[in-house]
Amino acid sequence: MTRSLKKGPYVDEKLLKKIQGKKPEQAGVVKTWARGGQISPEMVGFTFGVYNGKDHIEVLVSEEMVGHRLGEFSPTKKFVRHGGKMQKEIEQKKKEAEIAAAQAAKATTVDTTKKK
């Protein structure tokens, strides 16, 4: 749900105060718990340590991130792969196919060098 246009964007004041008058190189990692604060153009180039509930995840702010929330770049849930025996078999076949392809590519490069 977007914030009302008459209210304007929510940017954490404490966060702006931490980076005010500093250059991105000298600021280092700026730790923050404000996941809901929007990224403003003044924040571009800074690295923020955004808290995800367990630890701080470093987020380097670029121009494309302006207008998004800091919390969007610090996931709070860890994806656990589903599967089991079937998934392991599928991954094993995939790995074997990659190895075979690499060997075939290597064999073709050796053949071409011998022909010259």
C-alpha atoms as a PDB file:
ATOM      1  CA  MET A   1       0.000   0.000   0.000  1.00  0.00           C
ATOM      2  CA  THR A   2       1.470   3.342  -1.013  1.00  0.00           C
ATOM      3  CA  ARG A   3       1.786   6.367   1.181  1.00  0.00           C
ATOM      4  CA  SER A   4      -0.490   9.336   0.512  1.00  0.00           C
ATOM      5  CA  LEU A   5       1.000  11.936  -1.828  1.00  0.00           C
ATOM      6  CA  LYS A   6      -0.025  14.794   0.460  1.00  0.00           C
ATOM      7  CA  LYS A   7       2.006  13.255   3.302  1.00  0.00           C
ATOM      8  CA  GLY A   8       5.112  12.787   1.177  1.00  0.00           C
ATOM      9  CA  PRO A   9       7.688  10.011   1.403  1.00  0.00           C
ATOM     10  CA  TYR A  10       8.727   8.626   4.797  1.00  0.00           C
ATOM     11  CA  VAL A  11      12.459   9.005   5.262  1.00  0.00           C
ATOM     12  CA  ASP A  12      13.908   8.240   8.685  1.00  0.00           C
ATOM     13  CA  GLU A  13      15.265  11.494  10.169  1.00  0.00           C
ATOM     14  CA  LYS A  14      17.872   9.738  12.334  1.00  0.00           C
ATOM     15  CA  LEU A  15      19.237   7.985   9.268  1.00  0.00           C
ATOM     16  CA  LEU A  16      19.565  11.232   7.320  1.00  0.00           C
ATOM     17  CA  LYS A  17      21.291  12.816  10.309  1.00  0.00           C
ATOM     18  CA  LYS A  18      23.861   9.978  10.386  1.00  0.00           C
ATOM     19  CA  ILE A  19      24.883  10.550   6.745  1.00  0.00           C
ATOM     20  CA  GLN A  20      24.523  14.334   6.649  1.00  0.00           C
ATOM     21  CA  GLY A  21      27.781  16.065   5.734  1.00  0.00           C
ATOM     22  CA  LYS A  22      29.668  12.794   5.174  1.00  0.00           C
ATOM     23  CA  LYS A  23      31.016  11.182   2.047  1.00  0.00           C
ATOM     24  CA  PRO A  24      30.170   7.537   1.270  1.00  0.00           C
ATOM     25  CA  GLU A  25      33.829   6.499   1.555  1.00  0.00           C
ATOM     26  CA  GLN A  26      34.310   7.879   5.062  1.00  0.00           C
ATOM     27  CA  ALA A  27      30.944   6.824   6.505  1.00  0.00           C
ATOM     28  CA  GLY A  28      31.566   3.072   6.313  1.00  0.00           C
ATOM     29  CA  VAL A  29      28.550   0.868   7.066  1.00  0.00           C
ATOM     30  CA  VAL A  30      25.683   2.823   8.634  1.00  0.00           C
ATOM     31  CA  LYS A  31      23.643   0.467  10.820  1.00  0.00           C
ATOM     32  CA  THR A  32      19.892   0.949  10.848  1.00  0.00           C
ATOM     33  CA  TRP A  33      16.771  -0.745  12.104  1.00  0.00           C
ATOM     34  CA  ALA A  34      14.472   1.476   9.986  1.00  0.00           C
ATOM     35  CA  ARG A  35      13.368  -1.002   7.310  1.00  0.00           C
ATOM     36  CA  GLY A  36      10.316   1.090   6.406  1.00  0.00           C
ATOM     37  CA  GLY A  37      12.207   4.239   5.483  1.00  0.00           C
ATOM     38  CA  GLN A  38      12.349   5.161   1.814  1.00  0.00           C
ATOM     39  CA  ILE A  39      15.657   5.611   0.044  1.00  0.00           C
ATOM     40  CA  SER A  40      16.245   9.237  -0.904  1.00  0.00           C
ATOM     41  CA  PRO A  41      18.711  10.592  -3.492  1.00  0.00           C
ATOM     42  CA  GLU A  42      21.040  11.785  -0.688  1.00  0.00           C
ATOM     43  CA  MET A  43      21.621   8.126   0.289  1.00  0.00           C
ATOM     44  CA  VAL A  44      23.071   7.047  -3.081  1.00  0.00           C
ATOM     45  CA  GLY A  45      26.547   5.588  -2.673  1.00  0.00           C
ATOM     46  CA  PHE A  46      26.263   4.840   1.044  1.00  0.00           C
ATOM     47  CA  THR A  47      26.325   1.342   2.496  1.00  0.00           C
ATOM     48  CA  PHE A  48      23.651   0.608   5.072  1.00  0.00           C
ATOM     49  CA  GLY A  49      23.521  -2.315   7.477  1.00  0.00           C
ATOM     50  CA  VAL A  50      19.781  -3.074   7.417  1.00  0.00           C
ATOM     51  CA  TYR A  51      18.571  -5.249  10.288  1.00  0.00           C
ATOM     52  CA  ASN A  52      16.537  -8.288   9.213  1.00  0.00           C
ATOM     53  CA  GLY A  53      15.637  -9.597  12.667  1.00  0.00           C
ATOM     54  CA  LYS A  54      18.827 -11.590  13.151  1.00  0.00           C
ATOM     55  CA  ASP A  55      21.752  -9.583  11.816  1.00  0.00           C
ATOM     56  CA  HIS A  56      22.602  -6.537   9.717  1.00  0.00           C
ATOM     57  CA  ILE A  57      22.760  -7.149   5.966  1.00  0.00           C
ATOM     58  CA  GLU A  58      24.899  -4.701   4.005  1.00  0.00           C
ATOM     59  CA  VAL A  59      23.035  -2.831   1.265  1.00  0.00           C
ATOM     60  CA  LEU A  60      24.937  -0.578  -1.143  1.00  0.00           C
ATOM     61  CA  VAL A  61      22.453   2.036  -2.356  1.00  0.00           C
ATOM     62  CA  SER A  62      22.441   2.806  -6.087  1.00  0.00           C
ATOM     63  CA  GLU A  63      20.369   5.235  -8.162  1.00  0.00           C
ATOM     64  CA  GLU A  64      17.882   2.530  -9.182  1.00  0.00           C
ATOM     65  CA  MET A  65      16.928   1.997  -5.517  1.00  0.00           C
ATOM     66  CA  VAL A  66      15.674   5.553  -4.937  1.00  0.00           C
ATOM     67  CA  GLY A  67      12.005   5.469  -3.915  1.00  0.00           C
ATOM     68  CA  HIS A  68      12.131   1.895  -2.623  1.00  0.00           C
ATOM     69  CA  ARG A  69      12.211   0.889   1.048  1.00  0.00           C
ATOM     70  CA  LEU A  70      15.399  -0.225   2.769  1.00  0.00           C
ATOM     71  CA  GLY A  71      13.715  -3.418   3.962  1.00  0.00           C
ATOM     72  CA  GLU A  72      13.165  -4.597   0.379  1.00  0.00           C
ATOM     73  CA  PHE A  73      16.874  -5.317   0.031  1.00  0.00           C
ATOM     74  CA  SER A  74      17.281  -7.158   3.334  1.00  0.00           C
ATOM     75  CA  PRO A  75      15.186 -10.360   3.258  1.00  0.00           C
ATOM     76  CA  THR A  76      13.879 -11.564   6.600  1.00  0.00           C
ATOM     77  CA  LYS A  77      13.152 -15.142   5.608  1.00  0.00           C
ATOM     78  CA  LYS A  78      15.651 -17.731   4.473  1.00  0.00           C
ATOM     79  CA  PHE A  79      14.451 -19.956   1.655  1.00  0.00           C
ATOM     80  CA  VAL A  80      14.911 -23.622   2.481  1.00  0.00           C
ATOM     81  CA  ARG A  81      14.990 -25.785  -0.616  1.00  0.00           C
ATOM     82  CA  HIS A  82      12.225 -28.346  -0.899  1.00  0.00           C
ATOM     83  CA  GLY A  83      12.797 -31.845  -2.023  1.00  0.00           C
ATOM     84  CA  GLY A  84      14.637 -34.804  -0.674  1.00  0.00           C
ATOM     85  CA  LYS A  85      15.662 -37.936  -2.476  1.00  0.00           C
ATOM     86  CA  MET A  86      14.050 -36.875  -5.772  1.00  0.00           C
ATOM     87  CA  GLN A  87      15.617 -33.421  -5.624  1.00  0.00           C
ATOM     88  CA  LYS A  88      19.076 -34.898  -4.987  1.00  0.00           C
ATOM     89  CA  GLU A  89      18.694 -37.205  -8.004  1.00  0.00           C
ATOM     90  CA  ILE A  90      17.705 -34.297 -10.238  1.00  0.00           C
ATOM     91  CA  GLU A  91      20.668 -32.236  -9.047  1.00  0.00           C
ATOM     92  CA  GLN A  92      23.031 -35.168  -9.560  1.00  0.00           C
ATOM     93  CA  LYS A  93      21.850 -35.621 -13.168  1.00  0.00           C
ATOM     94  CA  LYS A  94      22.231 -31.901 -13.785  1.00  0.00           C
ATOM     95  CA  LYS A  95      25.783 -31.927 -12.400  1.00  0.00           C
ATOM     96  CA  GLU A  96      26.706 -34.956 -14.526  1.00  0.00           C
ATOM     97  CA  ALA A  97      25.338 -33.218 -17.633  1.00  0.00           C
ATOM     98  CA  GLU A  98      27.434 -30.121 -16.891  1.00  0.00           C
ATOM     99  CA  ILE A  99      30.569 -32.236 -16.460  1.00  0.00           C
ATOM    100  CA  ALA A 100      29.887 -34.078 -19.725  1.00  0.00           C
ATOM    101  CA  ALA A 101      29.357 -30.784 -21.551  1.00  0.00           C
ATOM    102  CA  ALA A 102      32.593 -29.373 -20.155  1.00  0.00           C
ATOM    103  CA  GLN A 103      34.502 -32.486 -21.229  1.00  0.00           C
ATOM    104  CA  ALA A 104      32.992 -32.333 -24.712  1.00  0.00           C
ATOM    105  CA  ALA A 105      33.933 -28.672 -25.041  1.00  0.00           C
ATOM    106  CA  LYS A 106      37.463 -29.437 -23.895  1.00  0.00           C
ATOM    107  CA  ALA A 107      37.747 -32.298 -26.395  1.00  0.00           C
ATOM    108  CA  THR A 108      36.643 -30.074 -29.293  1.00  0.00           C
ATOM    109  CA  THR A 109      39.191 -27.402 -28.399  1.00  0.00           C
ATOM    110  CA  VAL A 110      41.951 -30.019 -28.273  1.00  0.00           C
ATOM    111  CA  ASP A 111      40.882 -31.389 -31.683  1.00  0.00           C
ATOM    112  CA  THR A 112      40.909 -27.959 -33.302  1.00  0.00           C
ATOM    113  CA  THR A 113      44.374 -27.192 -31.993  1.00  0.00           C
ATOM    114  CA  LYS A 114      45.728 -30.514 -33.354  1.00  0.00           C
ATOM    115  CA  LYS A 115      44.328 -29.797 -36.834  1.00  0.00           C
ATOM    116  CA  LYS A 116      46.263 -26.539 -37.134  1.00  0.00           C
END
